[in-house]
Amino acid sequence: MIRTETVTIPEHVHGYPDVAFGGYVAGLVAGPCEATEIRVDFRARVPLETPMSLRPTRSGGYALTDTDGALLAESTPAVLSIDPPSPPSWAEAKAVTDAAMVSRRVTDCFGCGAACAPGRGLRLLTWDTADHDLVLAAWTPDPELADESGRLPPEVVWSALDCPGGWTAMRKQGMGFGGVTAALTATQLQPIYPDSPYISYAWPISHQGRKYTVGIALATPSGDLCAVAEALWIQPKP
């Protein structure tokens, strides 16, 4: 018997207006998987405040479908072949985040929105620096982002691996505003806790036409990797 779960994404969990935040969606469909390295492909716009179905697939992943059965996103076991560069220091990341507070447009994006109230978004303020071929952020997750285990759940961890990739494509590879996550492949190496400091950093990998491939990582201030991802971002056609 195939067990199907009904999920609804809250209104505040959005990136672009009225569209569910990609990393959060990815975490929902990746979280139940037994594999440790998982790829999530986005097939269509995921709505907010709308019941959807989450069910296991024969591939060992999960599929998110709308009420008509149309596929919105799908996870599959994967192999993540990525070699993250060494993380920057906490001081470097903190300086970049402080600069982002005055340099970036203020939005209510669930991932990088400075306008989000604590616990209603990650407030992961990624920005770039001329000193690195990276985008950086110093991040201390709010306690309200944790689940009953006291850790950040997959949908929050995968969210933290989403926005930095878009900023990398825009700031380091020339992608225009309006790009979307087409695929996100990630692995979590150790638990991530609220009220603990983390360094978020991301780097460009390749660029071909409207497609931008980037790497993303989360690390402790001492340099221990906590999560790593590779993302494919796409610039929509005009």
C-alpha atoms as a PDB file:
ATOM      1  CA  MET A   1       0.000   0.000   0.000  1.00  0.00           C
ATOM      2  CA  ILE A   2       1.341   3.440  -0.980  1.00  0.00           C
ATOM      3  CA  ARG A   3       0.985   5.948   1.818  1.00  0.00           C
ATOM      4  CA  THR A   4       0.006   9.422   0.629  1.00  0.00           C
ATOM      5  CA  GLU A   5       0.329  12.449   2.890  1.00  0.00           C
ATOM      6  CA  THR A   6      -1.463  15.764   2.439  1.00  0.00           C
ATOM      7  CA  VAL A   7       0.784  18.833   2.808  1.00  0.00           C
ATOM      8  CA  THR A   8       0.036  22.551   2.687  1.00  0.00           C
ATOM      9  CA  ILE A   9       2.723  25.230   2.526  1.00  0.00           C
ATOM     10  CA  PRO A  10       1.946  28.324   4.634  1.00  0.00           C
ATOM     11  CA  GLU A  11       1.490  31.693   2.969  1.00  0.00           C
ATOM     12  CA  HIS A  12       4.644  33.241   4.447  1.00  0.00           C
ATOM     13  CA  VAL A  13       6.891  30.495   2.975  1.00  0.00           C
ATOM     14  CA  HIS A  14       7.384  32.132  -0.400  1.00  0.00           C
ATOM     15  CA  GLY A  15      10.216  33.418  -2.545  1.00  0.00           C
ATOM     16  CA  TYR A  16       8.560  35.284  -5.371  1.00  0.00           C
ATOM     17  CA  PRO A  17       5.036  36.458  -4.479  1.00  0.00           C
ATOM     18  CA  ASP A  18       2.422  33.678  -4.380  1.00  0.00           C
ATOM     19  CA  VAL A  19       4.968  30.927  -5.172  1.00  0.00           C
ATOM     20  CA  ALA A  20       6.191  28.439  -2.560  1.00  0.00           C
ATOM     21  CA  PHE A  21       9.869  28.804  -1.652  1.00  0.00           C
ATOM     22  CA  GLY A  22      11.892  26.280  -3.659  1.00  0.00           C
ATOM     23  CA  GLY A  23      14.242  25.112  -0.921  1.00  0.00           C
ATOM     24  CA  TYR A  24      11.339  24.505   1.453  1.00  0.00           C
ATOM     25  CA  VAL A  25       9.558  22.422  -1.181  1.00  0.00           C
ATOM     26  CA  ALA A  26      12.772  20.493  -1.815  1.00  0.00           C
ATOM     27  CA  GLY A  27      13.149  19.715   1.887  1.00  0.00           C
ATOM     28  CA  LEU A  28       9.584  18.439   2.084  1.00  0.00           C
ATOM     29  CA  VAL A  29      10.090  15.933  -0.737  1.00  0.00           C
ATOM     30  CA  ALA A  30      13.663  15.042   0.280  1.00  0.00           C
ATOM     31  CA  GLY A  31      13.096  14.704   4.020  1.00  0.00           C
ATOM     32  CA  PRO A  32      11.319  11.320   4.024  1.00  0.00           C
ATOM     33  CA  CYS A  33      13.915   9.696   1.717  1.00  0.00           C
ATOM     34  CA  GLU A  34      16.236   7.038   3.113  1.00  0.00           C
ATOM     35  CA  ALA A  35      19.081   8.069   0.784  1.00  0.00           C
ATOM     36  CA  THR A  36      21.674  10.467   2.156  1.00  0.00           C
ATOM     37  CA  GLU A  37      22.280  12.255  -1.157  1.00  0.00           C
ATOM     38  CA  ILE A  38      19.105  13.399  -2.876  1.00  0.00           C
ATOM     39  CA  ARG A  39      18.192  15.356  -5.998  1.00  0.00           C
ATOM     40  CA  VAL A  40      14.970  17.354  -6.226  1.00  0.00           C
ATOM     41  CA  ASP A  41      13.642  18.429  -9.621  1.00  0.00           C
ATOM     42  CA  PHE A  42      11.001  21.125  -9.875  1.00  0.00           C
ATOM     43  CA  ARG A  43       8.377  20.478 -12.538  1.00  0.00           C
ATOM     44  CA  ALA A  44       5.829  23.275 -12.038  1.00  0.00           C
ATOM     45  CA  ARG A  45       4.912  26.199  -9.820  1.00  0.00           C
ATOM     46  CA  VAL A  46       4.086  25.083  -6.266  1.00  0.00           C
ATOM     47  CA  PRO A  47       1.154  27.007  -4.731  1.00  0.00           C
ATOM     48  CA  LEU A  48       0.705  28.333  -1.212  1.00  0.00           C
ATOM     49  CA  GLU A  49      -2.135  27.540   1.203  1.00  0.00           C
ATOM     50  CA  THR A  50      -3.279  24.729  -1.087  1.00  0.00           C
ATOM     51  CA  PRO A  51      -3.505  21.033  -0.100  1.00  0.00           C
ATOM     52  CA  MET A  52      -1.135  18.844  -2.133  1.00  0.00           C
ATOM     53  CA  SER A  53      -0.231  15.156  -2.068  1.00  0.00           C
ATOM     54  CA  LEU A  54       3.163  13.745  -1.095  1.00  0.00           C
ATOM     55  CA  ARG A  55       3.712  10.077  -1.900  1.00  0.00           C
ATOM     56  CA  PRO A  56       6.648   7.673  -2.263  1.00  0.00           C
ATOM     57  CA  THR A  57       7.807   6.616  -5.731  1.00  0.00           C
ATOM     58  CA  ARG A  58       9.370   3.427  -7.042  1.00  0.00           C
ATOM     59  CA  SER A  59      12.707   5.219  -7.423  1.00  0.00           C
ATOM     60  CA  GLY A  60      13.103   5.587  -3.657  1.00  0.00           C
ATOM     61  CA  GLY A  61      12.086   9.230  -3.695  1.00  0.00           C
ATOM     62  CA  TYR A  62       8.878  11.175  -3.228  1.00  0.00           C
ATOM     63  CA  ALA A  63       6.533  13.046  -5.560  1.00  0.00           C
ATOM     64  CA  LEU A  64       4.561  16.193  -4.777  1.00  0.00           C
ATOM     65  CA  THR A  65       1.394  16.508  -6.856  1.00  0.00           C
ATOM     66  CA  ASP A  66      -1.535  18.905  -7.003  1.00  0.00           C
ATOM     67  CA  THR A  67      -5.179  17.961  -6.506  1.00  0.00           C
ATOM     68  CA  ASP A  68      -5.438  16.917 -10.163  1.00  0.00           C
ATOM     69  CA  GLY A  69      -2.412  14.633  -9.907  1.00  0.00           C
ATOM     70  CA  ALA A  70      -0.036  16.891 -11.850  1.00  0.00           C
ATOM     71  CA  LEU A  71       3.599  16.515 -10.770  1.00  0.00           C
ATOM     72  CA  LEU A  72       5.045  19.622  -9.083  1.00  0.00           C
ATOM     73  CA  ALA A  73       8.350  18.371  -7.639  1.00  0.00           C
ATOM     74  CA  GLU A  74      10.090  15.018  -7.292  1.00  0.00           C
ATOM     75  CA  SER A  75      13.006  13.676  -5.252  1.00  0.00           C
ATOM     76  CA  THR A  76      15.296  10.814  -6.246  1.00  0.00           C
ATOM     77  CA  PRO A  77      18.433   9.248  -4.722  1.00  0.00           C
ATOM     78  CA  ALA A  78      21.499  10.822  -6.306  1.00  0.00           C
ATOM     79  CA  VAL A  79      25.276  11.043  -6.200  1.00  0.00           C
ATOM     80  CA  LEU A  80      26.587  14.467  -5.237  1.00  0.00           C
ATOM     81  CA  SER A  81      29.977  14.995  -6.897  1.00  0.00           C
ATOM     82  CA  ILE A  82      31.151  18.309  -5.524  1.00  0.00           C
ATOM     83  CA  ASP A  83      34.325  19.493  -3.837  1.00  0.00           C
ATOM     84  CA  PRO A  84      33.546  22.566  -1.710  1.00  0.00           C
ATOM     85  CA  PRO A  85      36.277  25.154  -1.282  1.00  0.00           C
ATOM     86  CA  SER A  86      37.441  25.920   2.235  1.00  0.00           C
ATOM     87  CA  PRO A  87      34.937  28.096   4.086  1.00  0.00           C
ATOM     88  CA  PRO A  88      35.792  31.710   4.840  1.00  0.00           C
ATOM     89  CA  SER A  89      36.193  32.858   8.418  1.00  0.00           C
ATOM     90  CA  TRP A  90      33.284  33.878  10.608  1.00  0.00           C
ATOM     91  CA  ALA A  91      34.673  37.442  10.687  1.00  0.00           C
ATOM     92  CA  GLU A  92      34.676  37.610   6.870  1.00  0.00           C
ATOM     93  CA  ALA A  93      31.136  36.239   6.650  1.00  0.00           C
ATOM     94  CA  LYS A  94      29.888  38.618   9.357  1.00  0.00           C
ATOM     95  CA  ALA A  95      31.399  41.628   7.583  1.00  0.00           C
ATOM     96  CA  VAL A  96      29.674  40.649   4.334  1.00  0.00           C
ATOM     97  CA  THR A  97      26.324  40.135   6.053  1.00  0.00           C
ATOM     98  CA  ASP A  98      26.606  43.525   7.746  1.00  0.00           C
ATOM     99  CA  ALA A  99      27.250  45.074   4.326  1.00  0.00           C
ATOM    100  CA  ALA A 100      24.253  43.238   2.880  1.00  0.00           C
ATOM    101  CA  MET A 101      21.993  44.968   5.387  1.00  0.00           C
ATOM    102  CA  VAL A 102      22.684  48.294   3.694  1.00  0.00           C
ATOM    103  CA  SER A 103      23.415  47.158   0.110  1.00  0.00           C
ATOM    104  CA  ARG A 104      20.559  44.797  -0.728  1.00  0.00           C
ATOM    105  CA  ARG A 105      16.934  45.417  -1.510  1.00  0.00           C
ATOM    106  CA  VAL A 106      14.703  44.504   1.427  1.00  0.00           C
ATOM    107  CA  THR A 107      12.190  41.753   0.680  1.00  0.00           C
ATOM    108  CA  ASP A 108      10.035  39.253   2.558  1.00  0.00           C
ATOM    109  CA  CYS A 109      11.542  36.227   0.774  1.00  0.00           C
ATOM    110  CA  PHE A 110      11.457  33.251   3.159  1.00  0.00           C
ATOM    111  CA  GLY A 111      15.150  32.586   2.533  1.00  0.00           C
ATOM    112  CA  CYS A 112      16.863  35.961   2.340  1.00  0.00           C
ATOM    113  CA  GLY A 113      14.238  38.501   3.309  1.00  0.00           C
ATOM    114  CA  ALA A 114      15.364  41.036   5.888  1.00  0.00           C
ATOM    115  CA  ALA A 115      11.721  42.081   6.249  1.00  0.00           C
ATOM    116  CA  CYS A 116      10.752  38.665   7.663  1.00  0.00           C
ATOM    117  CA  ALA A 117      10.025  38.579  11.373  1.00  0.00           C
ATOM    118  CA  PRO A 118      12.264  36.202  13.374  1.00  0.00           C
ATOM    119  CA  GLY A 119      10.997  32.654  12.930  1.00  0.00           C
ATOM    120  CA  ARG A 120       8.935  33.600   9.870  1.00  0.00           C
ATOM    121  CA  GLY A 121      11.914  33.346   7.545  1.00  0.00           C
ATOM    122  CA  LEU A 122      15.576  32.343   7.567  1.00  0.00           C
ATOM    123  CA  ARG A 123      16.899  35.921   7.348  1.00  0.00           C
ATOM    124  CA  LEU A 124      19.978  34.468   5.617  1.00  0.00           C
ATOM    125  CA  LEU A 125      21.476  37.656   4.175  1.00  0.00           C
ATOM    126  CA  THR A 126      23.929  36.458   1.541  1.00  0.00           C
ATOM    127  CA  TRP A 127      26.069  38.968  -0.342  1.00  0.00           C
ATOM    128  CA  ASP A 128      29.308  39.002  -2.311  1.00  0.00           C
ATOM    129  CA  THR A 129      32.748  40.488  -1.836  1.00  0.00           C
ATOM    130  CA  ALA A 130      35.574  41.361  -4.189  1.00  0.00           C
ATOM    131  CA  ASP A 131      37.941  39.413  -1.927  1.00  0.00           C
ATOM    132  CA  HIS A 132      36.371  36.025  -2.794  1.00  0.00           C
ATOM    133  CA  ASP A 133      34.843  34.228  -5.765  1.00  0.00           C
ATOM    134  CA  LEU A 134      32.080  33.427  -3.278  1.00  0.00           C
ATOM    135  CA  VAL A 135      28.894  34.801  -1.821  1.00  0.00           C
ATOM    136  CA  LEU A 136      28.852  34.690   1.979  1.00  0.00           C
ATOM    137  CA  ALA A 137      26.653  35.044   5.018  1.00  0.00           C
ATOM    138  CA  ALA A 138      26.959  34.715   8.768  1.00  0.00           C
ATOM    139  CA  TRP A 139      23.784  33.002   9.961  1.00  0.00           C
ATOM    140  CA  THR A 140      22.354  32.150  13.363  1.00  0.00           C
ATOM    141  CA  PRO A 141      19.014  30.332  12.902  1.00  0.00           C
ATOM    142  CA  ASP A 142      16.130  31.559  15.027  1.00  0.00           C
ATOM    143  CA  PRO A 143      14.835  29.094  17.667  1.00  0.00           C
ATOM    144  CA  GLU A 144      11.368  29.128  16.087  1.00  0.00           C
ATOM    145  CA  LEU A 145      12.796  27.465  12.965  1.00  0.00           C
ATOM    146  CA  ALA A 146      13.547  24.251  14.890  1.00  0.00           C
ATOM    147  CA  ASP A 147      11.195  21.287  15.155  1.00  0.00           C
ATOM    148  CA  GLU A 148      10.271  19.236  18.217  1.00  0.00           C
ATOM    149  CA  SER A 149      13.690  17.533  18.133  1.00  0.00           C
ATOM    150  CA  GLY A 150      15.426  20.854  18.728  1.00  0.00           C
ATOM    151  CA  ARG A 151      17.087  20.709  15.307  1.00  0.00           C
ATOM    152  CA  LEU A 152      16.357  22.404  12.006  1.00  0.00           C
ATOM    153  CA  PRO A 153      14.068  20.145   9.921  1.00  0.00           C
ATOM    154  CA  PRO A 154      14.930  19.227   6.309  1.00  0.00           C
ATOM    155  CA  GLU A 155      12.676  21.886   4.810  1.00  0.00           C
ATOM    156  CA  VAL A 156      14.612  24.597   6.691  1.00  0.00           C
ATOM    157  CA  VAL A 157      18.053  23.109   5.945  1.00  0.00           C
ATOM    158  CA  TRP A 158      17.254  22.804   2.234  1.00  0.00           C
ATOM    159  CA  SER A 159      15.878  26.356   2.292  1.00  0.00           C
ATOM    160  CA  ALA A 160      19.261  27.530   3.564  1.00  0.00           C
ATOM    161  CA  LEU A 161      20.862  25.829   0.546  1.00  0.00           C
ATOM    162  CA  ASP A 162      18.567  27.559  -1.953  1.00  0.00           C
ATOM    163  CA  CYS A 163      18.785  31.379  -1.885  1.00  0.00           C
ATOM    164  CA  PRO A 164      22.625  31.535  -1.746  1.00  0.00           C
ATOM    165  CA  GLY A 165      22.707  29.707  -5.081  1.00  0.00           C
ATOM    166  CA  GLY A 166      20.515  32.305  -6.730  1.00  0.00           C
ATOM    167  CA  TRP A 167      22.617  35.145  -5.372  1.00  0.00           C
ATOM    168  CA  THR A 168      25.745  33.417  -6.689  1.00  0.00           C
ATOM    169  CA  ALA A 169      24.270  33.102 -10.170  1.00  0.00           C
ATOM    170  CA  MET A 170      23.252  36.765 -10.117  1.00  0.00           C
ATOM    171  CA  ARG A 171      26.328  38.294  -8.489  1.00  0.00           C
ATOM    172  CA  LYS A 172      29.044  36.033  -9.945  1.00  0.00           C
ATOM    173  CA  GLN A 173      27.628  34.691 -13.230  1.00  0.00           C
ATOM    174  CA  GLY A 174      25.408  37.469 -14.551  1.00  0.00           C
ATOM    175  CA  MET A 175      21.983  35.854 -14.182  1.00  0.00           C
ATOM    176  CA  GLY A 176      19.211  38.441 -14.257  1.00  0.00           C
ATOM    177  CA  PHE A 177      16.617  38.888 -11.535  1.00  0.00           C
ATOM    178  CA  GLY A 178      13.766  36.399 -11.876  1.00  0.00           C
ATOM    179  CA  GLY A 179      15.808  33.188 -12.091  1.00  0.00           C
ATOM    180  CA  VAL A 180      14.340  30.030 -10.600  1.00  0.00           C
ATOM    181  CA  THR A 181      15.701  26.840  -9.043  1.00  0.00           C
ATOM    182  CA  ALA A 182      15.271  23.987 -11.524  1.00  0.00           C
ATOM    183  CA  ALA A 183      17.071  21.283  -9.510  1.00  0.00           C
ATOM    184  CA  LEU A 184      18.737  21.028  -6.115  1.00  0.00           C
ATOM    185  CA  THR A 185      20.956  18.103  -5.091  1.00  0.00           C
ATOM    186  CA  ALA A 186      22.060  18.058  -1.469  1.00  0.00           C
ATOM    187  CA  THR A 187      23.295  16.101   1.513  1.00  0.00           C
ATOM    188  CA  GLN A 188      23.229  16.959   5.206  1.00  0.00           C
ATOM    189  CA  LEU A 189      26.384  15.863   7.006  1.00  0.00           C
ATOM    190  CA  GLN A 190      25.492  16.751  10.583  1.00  0.00           C
ATOM    191  CA  PRO A 191      22.573  18.239  12.545  1.00  0.00           C
ATOM    192  CA  ILE A 192      22.025  21.979  12.389  1.00  0.00           C
ATOM    193  CA  TYR A 193      20.787  23.719  15.520  1.00  0.00           C
ATOM    194  CA  PRO A 194      19.059  27.026  16.254  1.00  0.00           C
ATOM    195  CA  ASP A 195      20.897  29.742  18.129  1.00  0.00           C
ATOM    196  CA  SER A 196      24.210  28.371  16.803  1.00  0.00           C
ATOM    197  CA  PRO A 197      26.429  30.287  14.348  1.00  0.00           C
ATOM    198  CA  TYR A 198      26.959  28.999  10.802  1.00  0.00           C
ATOM    199  CA  ILE A 199      28.808  30.228   7.738  1.00  0.00           C
ATOM    200  CA  SER A 200      26.871  30.042   4.487  1.00  0.00           C
ATOM    201  CA  TYR A 201      28.905  30.251   1.310  1.00  0.00           C
ATOM    202  CA  ALA A 202      28.339  29.511  -2.369  1.00  0.00           C
ATOM    203  CA  TRP A 203      30.402  29.557  -5.544  1.00  0.00           C
ATOM    204  CA  PRO A 204      29.904  29.402  -9.333  1.00  0.00           C
ATOM    205  CA  ILE A 205      30.508  26.091 -11.126  1.00  0.00           C
ATOM    206  CA  SER A 206      29.378  26.541 -14.741  1.00  0.00           C
ATOM    207  CA  HIS A 207      27.193  28.652 -16.999  1.00  0.00           C
ATOM    208  CA  GLN A 208      25.665  27.749 -20.351  1.00  0.00           C
ATOM    209  CA  GLY A 209      23.004  29.925 -21.939  1.00  0.00           C
ATOM    210  CA  ARG A 210      20.146  30.384 -19.490  1.00  0.00           C
ATOM    211  CA  LYS A 211      21.470  27.642 -17.160  1.00  0.00           C
ATOM    212  CA  TYR A 212      23.629  28.404 -14.124  1.00  0.00           C
ATOM    213  CA  THR A 213      25.170  25.694 -11.935  1.00  0.00           C
ATOM    214  CA  VAL A 214      26.398  26.659  -8.485  1.00  0.00           C
ATOM    215  CA  GLY A 215      27.664  25.022  -5.301  1.00  0.00           C
ATOM    216  CA  ILE A 216      26.448  25.848  -1.795  1.00  0.00           C
ATOM    217  CA  ALA A 217      27.658  24.856   1.673  1.00  0.00           C
ATOM    218  CA  LEU A 218      26.921  25.425   5.343  1.00  0.00           C
ATOM    219  CA  ALA A 219      29.786  25.169   7.834  1.00  0.00           C
ATOM    220  CA  THR A 220      30.507  25.841  11.474  1.00  0.00           C
ATOM    221  CA  PRO A 221      32.812  28.738  12.389  1.00  0.00           C
ATOM    222  CA  SER A 222      35.540  26.142  12.964  1.00  0.00           C
ATOM    223  CA  GLY A 223      35.186  24.978   9.340  1.00  0.00           C
ATOM    224  CA  ASP A 224      33.259  21.711   9.761  1.00  0.00           C
ATOM    225  CA  LEU A 225      30.863  21.122   6.867  1.00  0.00           C
ATOM    226  CA  CYS A 226      27.210  20.633   7.870  1.00  0.00           C
ATOM    227  CA  ALA A 227      25.454  20.508   4.490  1.00  0.00           C
ATOM    228  CA  VAL A 228      26.500  20.711   0.833  1.00  0.00           C
ATOM    229  CA  ALA A 229      24.484  21.184  -2.352  1.00  0.00           C
ATOM    230  CA  GLU A 230      24.682  21.709  -6.089  1.00  0.00           C
ATOM    231  CA  ALA A 231      21.925  23.760  -7.696  1.00  0.00           C
ATOM    232  CA  LEU A 232      20.796  24.387 -11.239  1.00  0.00           C
ATOM    233  CA  TRP A 233      19.234  27.807 -11.705  1.00  0.00           C
ATOM    234  CA  ILE A 234      17.493  28.851 -14.916  1.00  0.00           C
ATOM    235  CA  GLN A 235      16.812  32.323 -16.269  1.00  0.00           C
ATOM    236  CA  PRO A 236      13.284  32.261 -17.768  1.00  0.00           C
ATOM    237  CA  LYS A 237      12.852  33.219 -21.395  1.00  0.00           C
ATOM    238  CA  PRO A 238      11.882  36.849 -21.971  1.00  0.00           C
END
